[in-house]
Amino acid sequence: MTKKDLIELVAKKANLTNKASRDAVSATLNGIRDSLKKGEKVVITGFGTFSVRNREERPGRNPKTGEKITIAARKAPGFTPGKTLKRAIR
């Protein structure tokens, strides 16, 4: 499913215009992104939790040359599905 498909689905389910649906989906995704940028956790009950995970510095290898390199530590977004979502997929 693409963002466009999601917008169309929300428009049909919520009886909204495509523009209103696009605004709603964009506002939701932007809110999640902005909260993660601040380092906050976003919990959507029944769906899951979005959080920022810290990746440690680790050794790696340049696949082109085979040279050993160090991959720098960084932050990465993470998602943990909730129980309701896990049950729905089974």
PDB file of N, CA and C in Angstrom:
ATOM      1  N   MET A   1       0.846  -1.172   0.000  1.00  0.00           N
ATOM      2  CA  MET A   1       0.000   0.000   0.000  1.00  0.00           C
ATOM      3  C   MET A   1       0.891   1.235   0.000  1.00  0.00           C
ATOM      4  N   THR A   2       0.576   2.161  -0.864  1.00  0.00           N
ATOM      5  CA  THR A   2       1.327   3.411  -0.940  1.00  0.00           C
ATOM      6  C   THR A   2       0.591   4.499  -0.166  1.00  0.00           C
ATOM      7  N   LYS A   3       1.243   5.642  -0.030  1.00  0.00           N
ATOM      8  CA  LYS A   3       0.610   6.770   0.661  1.00  0.00           C
ATOM      9  C   LYS A   3      -0.657   7.183  -0.080  1.00  0.00           C
ATOM     10  N   LYS A   4      -0.618   7.159  -1.398  1.00  0.00           N
ATOM     11  CA  LYS A   4      -1.784   7.516  -2.213  1.00  0.00           C
ATOM     12  C   LYS A   4      -2.944   6.552  -1.939  1.00  0.00           C
ATOM     13  N   ASP A   5      -2.637   5.262  -1.858  1.00  0.00           N
ATOM     14  CA  ASP A   5      -3.667   4.265  -1.552  1.00  0.00           C
ATOM     15  C   ASP A   5      -4.262   4.501  -0.166  1.00  0.00           C
ATOM     16  N   LEU A   6      -3.416   4.846   0.793  1.00  0.00           N
ATOM     17  CA  LEU A   6      -3.881   5.113   2.144  1.00  0.00           C
ATOM     18  C   LEU A   6      -4.809   6.332   2.170  1.00  0.00           C
ATOM     19  N   ILE A   7      -4.462   7.362   1.432  1.00  0.00           N
ATOM     20  CA  ILE A   7      -5.293   8.570   1.361  1.00  0.00           C
ATOM     21  C   ILE A   7      -6.662   8.232   0.774  1.00  0.00           C
ATOM     22  N   GLU A   8      -6.684   7.443  -0.285  1.00  0.00           N
ATOM     23  CA  GLU A   8      -7.951   7.048  -0.896  1.00  0.00           C
ATOM     24  C   GLU A   8      -8.792   6.197   0.055  1.00  0.00           C
ATOM     25  N   LEU A   9      -8.161   5.300   0.792  1.00  0.00           N
ATOM     26  CA  LEU A   9      -8.866   4.451   1.753  1.00  0.00           C
ATOM     27  C   LEU A   9      -9.482   5.288   2.876  1.00  0.00           C
ATOM     28  N   VAL A  10      -8.697   6.233   3.409  1.00  0.00           N
ATOM     29  CA  VAL A  10      -9.207   7.112   4.473  1.00  0.00           C
ATOM     30  C   VAL A  10     -10.367   7.953   3.949  1.00  0.00           C
ATOM     31  N   ALA A  11     -10.265   8.432   2.717  1.00  0.00           N
ATOM     32  CA  ALA A  11     -11.340   9.236   2.123  1.00  0.00           C
ATOM     33  C   ALA A  11     -12.636   8.430   2.039  1.00  0.00           C
ATOM     34  N   LYS A  12     -12.538   7.179   1.614  1.00  0.00           N
ATOM     35  CA  LYS A  12     -13.730   6.330   1.501  1.00  0.00           C
ATOM     36  C   LYS A  12     -14.305   5.971   2.862  1.00  0.00           C
ATOM     37  N   LYS A  13     -13.442   5.513   3.792  1.00  0.00           N
ATOM     38  CA  LYS A  13     -13.901   5.053   5.104  1.00  0.00           C
ATOM     39  C   LYS A  13     -14.478   6.186   5.956  1.00  0.00           C
ATOM     40  N   ALA A  14     -13.866   7.372   5.882  1.00  0.00           N
ATOM     41  CA  ALA A  14     -14.282   8.496   6.719  1.00  0.00           C
ATOM     42  C   ALA A  14     -15.223   9.443   5.987  1.00  0.00           C
ATOM     43  N   ASN A  15     -15.584   9.100   4.742  1.00  0.00           N
ATOM     44  CA  ASN A  15     -16.483   9.926   3.940  1.00  0.00           C
ATOM     45  C   ASN A  15     -15.951  11.355   3.820  1.00  0.00           C
ATOM     46  N   LEU A  16     -14.677  11.464   3.439  1.00  0.00           N
ATOM     47  CA  LEU A  16     -14.013  12.750   3.264  1.00  0.00           C
ATOM     48  C   LEU A  16     -13.647  12.953   1.801  1.00  0.00           C
ATOM     49  N   THR A  17     -13.347  14.191   1.460  1.00  0.00           N
ATOM     50  CA  THR A  17     -12.815  14.445   0.122  1.00  0.00           C
ATOM     51  C   THR A  17     -11.367  13.983   0.104  1.00  0.00           C
ATOM     52  N   ASN A  18     -10.819  13.797  -1.091  1.00  0.00           N
ATOM     53  CA  ASN A  18      -9.421  13.372  -1.183  1.00  0.00           C
ATOM     54  C   ASN A  18      -8.483  14.419  -0.591  1.00  0.00           C
ATOM     55  N   LYS A  19      -8.812  15.718  -0.764  1.00  0.00           N
ATOM     56  CA  LYS A  19      -7.962  16.768  -0.223  1.00  0.00           C
ATOM     57  C   LYS A  19      -7.975  16.739   1.304  1.00  0.00           C
ATOM     58  N   ALA A  20      -9.150  16.597   1.902  1.00  0.00           N
ATOM     59  CA  ALA A  20      -9.244  16.539   3.362  1.00  0.00           C
ATOM     60  C   ALA A  20      -8.538  15.292   3.888  1.00  0.00           C
ATOM     61  N   SER A  21      -8.687  14.189   3.181  1.00  0.00           N
ATOM     62  CA  SER A  21      -8.028  12.949   3.572  1.00  0.00           C
ATOM     63  C   SER A  21      -6.512  13.087   3.464  1.00  0.00           C
ATOM     64  N   ARG A  22      -6.030  13.703   2.395  1.00  0.00           N
ATOM     65  CA  ARG A  22      -4.589  13.917   2.209  1.00  0.00           C
ATOM     66  C   ARG A  22      -4.039  14.785   3.341  1.00  0.00           C
ATOM     67  N   ASP A  23      -4.782  15.837   3.721  1.00  0.00           N
ATOM     68  CA  ASP A  23      -4.360  16.707   4.815  1.00  0.00           C
ATOM     69  C   ASP A  23      -4.307  15.937   6.140  1.00  0.00           C
ATOM     70  N   ALA A  24      -5.304  15.082   6.378  1.00  0.00           N
ATOM     71  CA  ALA A  24      -5.359  14.315   7.624  1.00  0.00           C
ATOM     72  C   ALA A  24      -4.206  13.318   7.707  1.00  0.00           C
ATOM     73  N   VAL A  25      -3.959  12.601   6.627  1.00  0.00           N
ATOM     74  CA  VAL A  25      -2.873  11.612   6.617  1.00  0.00           C
ATOM     75  C   VAL A  25      -1.522  12.314   6.760  1.00  0.00           C
ATOM     76  N   SER A  26      -1.338  13.412   6.055  1.00  0.00           N
ATOM     77  CA  SER A  26      -0.076  14.155   6.135  1.00  0.00           C
ATOM     78  C   SER A  26       0.148  14.706   7.541  1.00  0.00           C
ATOM     79  N   ALA A  27      -0.909  15.225   8.164  1.00  0.00           N
ATOM     80  CA  ALA A  27      -0.786  15.771   9.516  1.00  0.00           C
ATOM     81  C   ALA A  27      -0.412  14.667  10.504  1.00  0.00           C
ATOM     82  N   THR A  28      -0.993  13.491  10.336  1.00  0.00           N
ATOM     83  CA  THR A  28      -0.684  12.368  11.217  1.00  0.00           C
ATOM     84  C   THR A  28       0.773  11.942  11.062  1.00  0.00           C
ATOM     85  N   LEU A  29       1.202  11.748   9.822  1.00  0.00           N
ATOM     86  CA  LEU A  29       2.581  11.305   9.581  1.00  0.00           C
ATOM     87  C   LEU A  29       3.596  12.364  10.011  1.00  0.00           C
ATOM     88  N   ASN A  30       3.278  13.637   9.765  1.00  0.00           N
ATOM     89  CA  ASN A  30       4.176  14.712  10.184  1.00  0.00           C
ATOM     90  C   ASN A  30       4.256  14.794  11.707  1.00  0.00           C
ATOM     91  N   GLY A  31       3.143  14.562  12.390  1.00  0.00           N
ATOM     92  CA  GLY A  31       3.141  14.560  13.852  1.00  0.00           C
ATOM     93  C   GLY A  31       4.014  13.457  14.408  1.00  0.00           C
ATOM     94  N   ILE A  32       3.931  12.273  13.815  1.00  0.00           N
ATOM     95  CA  ILE A  32       4.771  11.156  14.243  1.00  0.00           C
ATOM     96  C   ILE A  32       6.241  11.491  13.997  1.00  0.00           C
ATOM     97  N   ARG A  33       6.544  12.006  12.810  1.00  0.00           N
ATOM     98  CA  ARG A  33       7.930  12.360  12.469  1.00  0.00           C
ATOM     99  C   ARG A  33       8.478  13.417  13.424  1.00  0.00           C
ATOM    100  N   ASP A  34       7.697  14.465  13.698  1.00  0.00           N
ATOM    101  CA  ASP A  34       8.166  15.542  14.562  1.00  0.00           C
ATOM    102  C   ASP A  34       8.409  15.061  15.989  1.00  0.00           C
ATOM    103  N   SER A  35       7.549  14.172  16.484  1.00  0.00           N
ATOM    104  CA  SER A  35       7.736  13.624  17.827  1.00  0.00           C
ATOM    105  C   SER A  35       9.000  12.775  17.893  1.00  0.00           C
ATOM    106  N   LEU A  36       9.255  11.979  16.863  1.00  0.00           N
ATOM    107  CA  LEU A  36      10.468  11.161  16.831  1.00  0.00           C
ATOM    108  C   LEU A  36      11.714  12.039  16.755  1.00  0.00           C
ATOM    109  N   LYS A  37      11.638  13.149  16.021  1.00  0.00           N
ATOM    110  CA  LYS A  37      12.773  14.066  15.932  1.00  0.00           C
ATOM    111  C   LYS A  37      13.134  14.623  17.303  1.00  0.00           C
ATOM    112  N   LYS A  38      12.106  14.823  18.160  1.00  0.00           N
ATOM    113  CA  LYS A  38      12.326  15.336  19.505  1.00  0.00           C
ATOM    114  C   LYS A  38      12.798  14.235  20.453  1.00  0.00           C
ATOM    115  N   GLY A  39      12.804  12.993  19.985  1.00  0.00           N
ATOM    116  CA  GLY A  39      13.227  11.876  20.818  1.00  0.00           C
ATOM    117  C   GLY A  39      12.094  11.273  21.627  1.00  0.00           C
ATOM    118  N   GLU A  40      10.864  11.664  21.321  1.00  0.00           N
ATOM    119  CA  GLU A  40       9.702  11.155  22.048  1.00  0.00           C
ATOM    120  C   GLU A  40       9.221   9.842  21.453  1.00  0.00           C
ATOM    121  N   LYS A  41       8.502   9.077  22.256  1.00  0.00           N
ATOM    122  CA  LYS A  41       7.913   7.826  21.815  1.00  0.00           C
ATOM    123  C   LYS A  41       6.463   8.123  21.413  1.00  0.00           C
ATOM    124  N   VAL A  42       5.982   7.504  20.326  1.00  0.00           N
ATOM    125  CA  VAL A  42       4.604   7.677  19.871  1.00  0.00           C
ATOM    126  C   VAL A  42       3.886   6.346  20.024  1.00  0.00           C
ATOM    127  N   VAL A  43       2.866   6.323  20.882  1.00  0.00           N
ATOM    128  CA  VAL A  43       2.117   5.097  21.149  1.00  0.00           C
ATOM    129  C   VAL A  43       0.722   5.238  20.553  1.00  0.00           C
ATOM    130  N   ILE A  44       0.369   4.334  19.646  1.00  0.00           N
ATOM    131  CA  ILE A  44      -0.974   4.278  19.081  1.00  0.00           C
ATOM    132  C   ILE A  44      -1.579   2.983  19.591  1.00  0.00           C
ATOM    133  N   THR A  45      -2.434   3.112  20.602  1.00  0.00           N
ATOM    134  CA  THR A  45      -3.011   1.951  21.265  1.00  0.00           C
ATOM    135  C   THR A  45      -3.733   1.058  20.266  1.00  0.00           C
ATOM    136  N   GLY A  46      -3.439  -0.231  20.321  1.00  0.00           N
ATOM    137  CA  GLY A  46      -4.049  -1.199  19.416  1.00  0.00           C
ATOM    138  C   GLY A  46      -3.307  -1.337  18.099  1.00  0.00           C
ATOM    139  N   PHE A  47      -2.347  -0.464  17.841  1.00  0.00           N
ATOM    140  CA  PHE A  47      -1.584  -0.535  16.596  1.00  0.00           C
ATOM    141  C   PHE A  47      -0.117  -0.823  16.865  1.00  0.00           C
ATOM    142  N   GLY A  48       0.544   0.090  17.610  1.00  0.00           N
ATOM    143  CA  GLY A  48       1.956  -0.125  17.905  1.00  0.00           C
ATOM    144  C   GLY A  48       2.625   1.110  18.455  1.00  0.00           C
ATOM    145  N   THR A  49       3.936   1.013  18.611  1.00  0.00           N
ATOM    146  CA  THR A  49       4.735   2.085  19.182  1.00  0.00           C
ATOM    147  C   THR A  49       5.886   2.432  18.250  1.00  0.00           C
ATOM    148  N   PHE A  50       6.012   3.719  17.958  1.00  0.00           N
ATOM    149  CA  PHE A  50       7.138   4.235  17.186  1.00  0.00           C
ATOM    150  C   PHE A  50       8.127   4.818  18.186  1.00  0.00           C
ATOM    151  N   SER A  51       9.409   4.531  18.010  1.00  0.00           N
ATOM    152  CA  SER A  51      10.413   5.052  18.928  1.00  0.00           C
ATOM    153  C   SER A  51      11.723   5.282  18.187  1.00  0.00           C
ATOM    154  N   VAL A  52      12.638   5.984  18.869  1.00  0.00           N
ATOM    155  CA  VAL A  52      13.967   6.221  18.319  1.00  0.00           C
ATOM    156  C   VAL A  52      14.914   5.222  18.982  1.00  0.00           C
ATOM    157  N   ARG A  53      15.651   4.503  18.165  1.00  0.00           N
ATOM    158  CA  ARG A  53      16.600   3.509  18.679  1.00  0.00           C
ATOM    159  C   ARG A  53      18.020   3.980  18.397  1.00  0.00           C
ATOM    160  N   ASN A  54      18.877   3.763  19.371  1.00  0.00           N
ATOM    161  CA  ASN A  54      20.289   4.132  19.213  1.00  0.00           C
ATOM    162  C   ASN A  54      21.057   2.937  18.677  1.00  0.00           C
ATOM    163  N   ARG A  55      21.728   3.129  17.562  1.00  0.00           N
ATOM    164  CA  ARG A  55      22.565   2.080  16.973  1.00  0.00           C
ATOM    165  C   ARG A  55      23.997   2.346  17.402  1.00  0.00           C
ATOM    166  N   GLU A  56      24.630   1.352  17.961  1.00  0.00           N
ATOM    167  CA  GLU A  56      26.002   1.484  18.434  1.00  0.00           C
ATOM    168  C   GLU A  56      26.981   1.504  17.258  1.00  0.00           C
ATOM    169  N   GLU A  57      28.160   2.038  17.516  1.00  0.00           N
ATOM    170  CA  GLU A  57      29.236   1.993  16.527  1.00  0.00           C
ATOM    171  C   GLU A  57      29.632   0.527  16.344  1.00  0.00           C
ATOM    172  N   ARG A  58      29.882   0.135  15.111  1.00  0.00           N
ATOM    173  CA  ARG A  58      30.203  -1.277  14.869  1.00  0.00           C
ATOM    174  C   ARG A  58      31.174  -1.407  13.693  1.00  0.00           C
ATOM    175  N   PRO A  59      31.892  -2.529  13.659  1.00  0.00           N
ATOM    176  CA  PRO A  59      32.819  -2.745  12.543  1.00  0.00           C
ATOM    177  C   PRO A  59      32.039  -3.170  11.292  1.00  0.00           C
ATOM    178  N   GLY A  60      32.568  -2.793  10.147  1.00  0.00           N
ATOM    179  CA  GLY A  60      31.946  -3.167   8.880  1.00  0.00           C
ATOM    180  C   GLY A  60      33.012  -3.400   7.838  1.00  0.00           C
ATOM    181  N   ARG A  61      32.564  -3.586   6.598  1.00  0.00           N
ATOM    182  CA  ARG A  61      33.491  -3.851   5.519  1.00  0.00           C
ATOM    183  C   ARG A  61      32.971  -3.178   4.261  1.00  0.00           C
ATOM    184  N   ASN A  62      33.865  -2.513   3.545  1.00  0.00           N
ATOM    185  CA  ASN A  62      33.503  -1.908   2.271  1.00  0.00           C
ATOM    186  C   ASN A  62      33.350  -3.051   1.261  1.00  0.00           C
ATOM    187  N   PRO A  63      32.141  -3.277   0.725  1.00  0.00           N
ATOM    188  CA  PRO A  63      31.948  -4.412  -0.172  1.00  0.00           C
ATOM    189  C   PRO A  63      32.723  -4.296  -1.486  1.00  0.00           C
ATOM    190  N   LYS A  64      33.062  -3.096  -1.878  1.00  0.00           N
ATOM    191  CA  LYS A  64      33.777  -2.901  -3.140  1.00  0.00           C
ATOM    192  C   LYS A  64      35.267  -3.241  -3.016  1.00  0.00           C
ATOM    193  N   THR A  65      35.877  -2.775  -1.914  1.00  0.00           N
ATOM    194  CA  THR A  65      37.325  -2.967  -1.757  1.00  0.00           C
ATOM    195  C   THR A  65      37.681  -4.027  -0.724  1.00  0.00           C
ATOM    196  N   GLY A  66      36.747  -4.393   0.136  1.00  0.00           N
ATOM    197  CA  GLY A  66      37.031  -5.363   1.185  1.00  0.00           C
ATOM    198  C   GLY A  66      37.703  -4.742   2.391  1.00  0.00           C
ATOM    199  N   GLU A  67      37.928  -3.437   2.336  1.00  0.00           N
ATOM    200  CA  GLU A  67      38.600  -2.726   3.422  1.00  0.00           C
ATOM    201  C   GLU A  67      37.702  -2.680   4.663  1.00  0.00           C
ATOM    202  N   LYS A  68      38.308  -2.878   5.839  1.00  0.00           N
ATOM    203  CA  LYS A  68      37.557  -2.800   7.086  1.00  0.00           C
ATOM    204  C   LYS A  68      37.309  -1.339   7.426  1.00  0.00           C
ATOM    205  N   ILE A  69      36.082  -1.045   7.852  1.00  0.00           N
ATOM    206  CA  ILE A  69      35.720   0.318   8.230  1.00  0.00           C
ATOM    207  C   ILE A  69      34.926   0.265   9.536  1.00  0.00           C
ATOM    208  N   THR A  70      34.758   1.424  10.147  1.00  0.00           N
ATOM    209  CA  THR A  70      33.925   1.532  11.342  1.00  0.00           C
ATOM    210  C   THR A  70      32.664   2.284  10.962  1.00  0.00           C
ATOM    211  N   ILE A  71      31.525   1.677  11.233  1.00  0.00           N
ATOM    212  CA  ILE A  71      30.241   2.311  10.948  1.00  0.00           C
ATOM    213  C   ILE A  71      29.872   3.132  12.179  1.00  0.00           C
ATOM    214  N   ALA A  72      29.640   4.417  11.994  1.00  0.00           N
ATOM    215  CA  ALA A  72      29.392   5.337  13.100  1.00  0.00           C
ATOM    216  C   ALA A  72      28.070   5.038  13.810  1.00  0.00           C
ATOM    217  N   ALA A  73      28.011   5.409  15.073  1.00  0.00           N
ATOM    218  CA  ALA A  73      26.769   5.278  15.836  1.00  0.00           C
ATOM    219  C   ALA A  73      25.758   6.277  15.264  1.00  0.00           C
ATOM    220  N   ARG A  74      24.474   5.906  15.349  1.00  0.00           N
ATOM    221  CA  ARG A  74      23.436   6.801  14.844  1.00  0.00           C
ATOM    222  C   ARG A  74      22.106   6.449  15.485  1.00  0.00           C
ATOM    223  N   LYS A  75      21.145   7.294  15.253  1.00  0.00           N
ATOM    224  CA  LYS A  75      19.789   7.047  15.729  1.00  0.00           C
ATOM    225  C   LYS A  75      18.966   6.555  14.544  1.00  0.00           C
ATOM    226  N   ALA A  76      18.042   5.643  14.810  1.00  0.00           N
ATOM    227  CA  ALA A  76      17.197   5.102  13.744  1.00  0.00           C
ATOM    228  C   ALA A  76      15.776   4.953  14.273  1.00  0.00           C
ATOM    229  N   PRO A  77      14.785   5.184  13.419  1.00  0.00           N
ATOM    230  CA  PRO A  77      13.408   4.983  13.863  1.00  0.00           C
ATOM    231  C   PRO A  77      13.100   3.499  14.002  1.00  0.00           C
ATOM    232  N   GLY A  78      12.260   3.178  14.960  1.00  0.00           N
ATOM    233  CA  GLY A  78      11.871   1.793  15.169  1.00  0.00           C
ATOM    234  C   GLY A  78      10.377   1.695  15.375  1.00  0.00           C
ATOM    235  N   PHE A  79       9.824   0.521  15.115  1.00  0.00           N
ATOM    236  CA  PHE A  79       8.399   0.275  15.310  1.00  0.00           C
ATOM    237  C   PHE A  79       8.216  -1.071  15.978  1.00  0.00           C
ATOM    238  N   THR A  80       7.396  -1.091  17.017  1.00  0.00           N
ATOM    239  CA  THR A  80       7.055  -2.329  17.698  1.00  0.00           C
ATOM    240  C   THR A  80       5.546  -2.505  17.576  1.00  0.00           C
ATOM    241  N   PRO A  81       5.083  -3.560  16.918  1.00  0.00           N
ATOM    242  CA  PRO A  81       3.639  -3.747  16.750  1.00  0.00           C
ATOM    243  C   PRO A  81       2.963  -4.082  18.076  1.00  0.00           C
ATOM    244  N   GLY A  82       1.712  -3.634  18.216  1.00  0.00           N
ATOM    245  CA  GLY A  82       0.931  -3.931  19.409  1.00  0.00           C
ATOM    246  C   GLY A  82       0.287  -5.308  19.322  1.00  0.00           C
ATOM    247  N   LYS A  83      -0.274  -5.762  20.434  1.00  0.00           N
ATOM    248  CA  LYS A  83      -0.889  -7.088  20.484  1.00  0.00           C
ATOM    249  C   LYS A  83      -2.051  -7.208  19.499  1.00  0.00           C
ATOM    250  N   THR A  84      -2.866  -6.171  19.407  1.00  0.00           N
ATOM    251  CA  THR A  84      -4.026  -6.212  18.514  1.00  0.00           C
ATOM    252  C   THR A  84      -3.598  -6.369  17.068  1.00  0.00           C
ATOM    253  N   LEU A  85      -2.565  -5.650  16.660  1.00  0.00           N
ATOM    254  CA  LEU A  85      -2.065  -5.754  15.286  1.00  0.00           C
ATOM    255  C   LEU A  85      -1.475  -7.138  15.030  1.00  0.00           C
ATOM    256  N   LYS A  86      -0.738  -7.663  15.992  1.00  0.00           N
ATOM    257  CA  LYS A  86      -0.148  -8.995  15.831  1.00  0.00           C
ATOM    258  C   LYS A  86      -1.234 -10.051  15.660  1.00  0.00           C
ATOM    259  N   ARG A  87      -2.290  -9.951  16.477  1.00  0.00           N
ATOM    260  CA  ARG A  87      -3.390 -10.924  16.365  1.00  0.00           C
ATOM    261  C   ARG A  87      -4.117 -10.813  15.035  1.00  0.00           C
ATOM    262  N   ALA A  88      -4.298  -9.600  14.545  1.00  0.00           N
ATOM    263  CA  ALA A  88      -5.012  -9.386  13.287  1.00  0.00           C
ATOM    264  C   ALA A  88      -4.272  -9.990  12.102  1.00  0.00           C
ATOM    265  N   ILE A  89      -2.942 -10.004  12.169  1.00  0.00           N
ATOM    266  CA  ILE A  89      -2.145 -10.504  11.054  1.00  0.00           C
ATOM    267  C   ILE A  89      -2.052 -12.033  11.062  1.00  0.00           C
ATOM    268  N   ARG A  90      -2.130 -12.636  12.218  1.00  0.00           N
ATOM    269  CA  ARG A  90      -1.999 -14.105  12.308  1.00  0.00           C
ATOM    270  C   ARG A  90      -3.025 -14.785  11.521  1.00  0.00           C
TER     271      ARG A  90
END
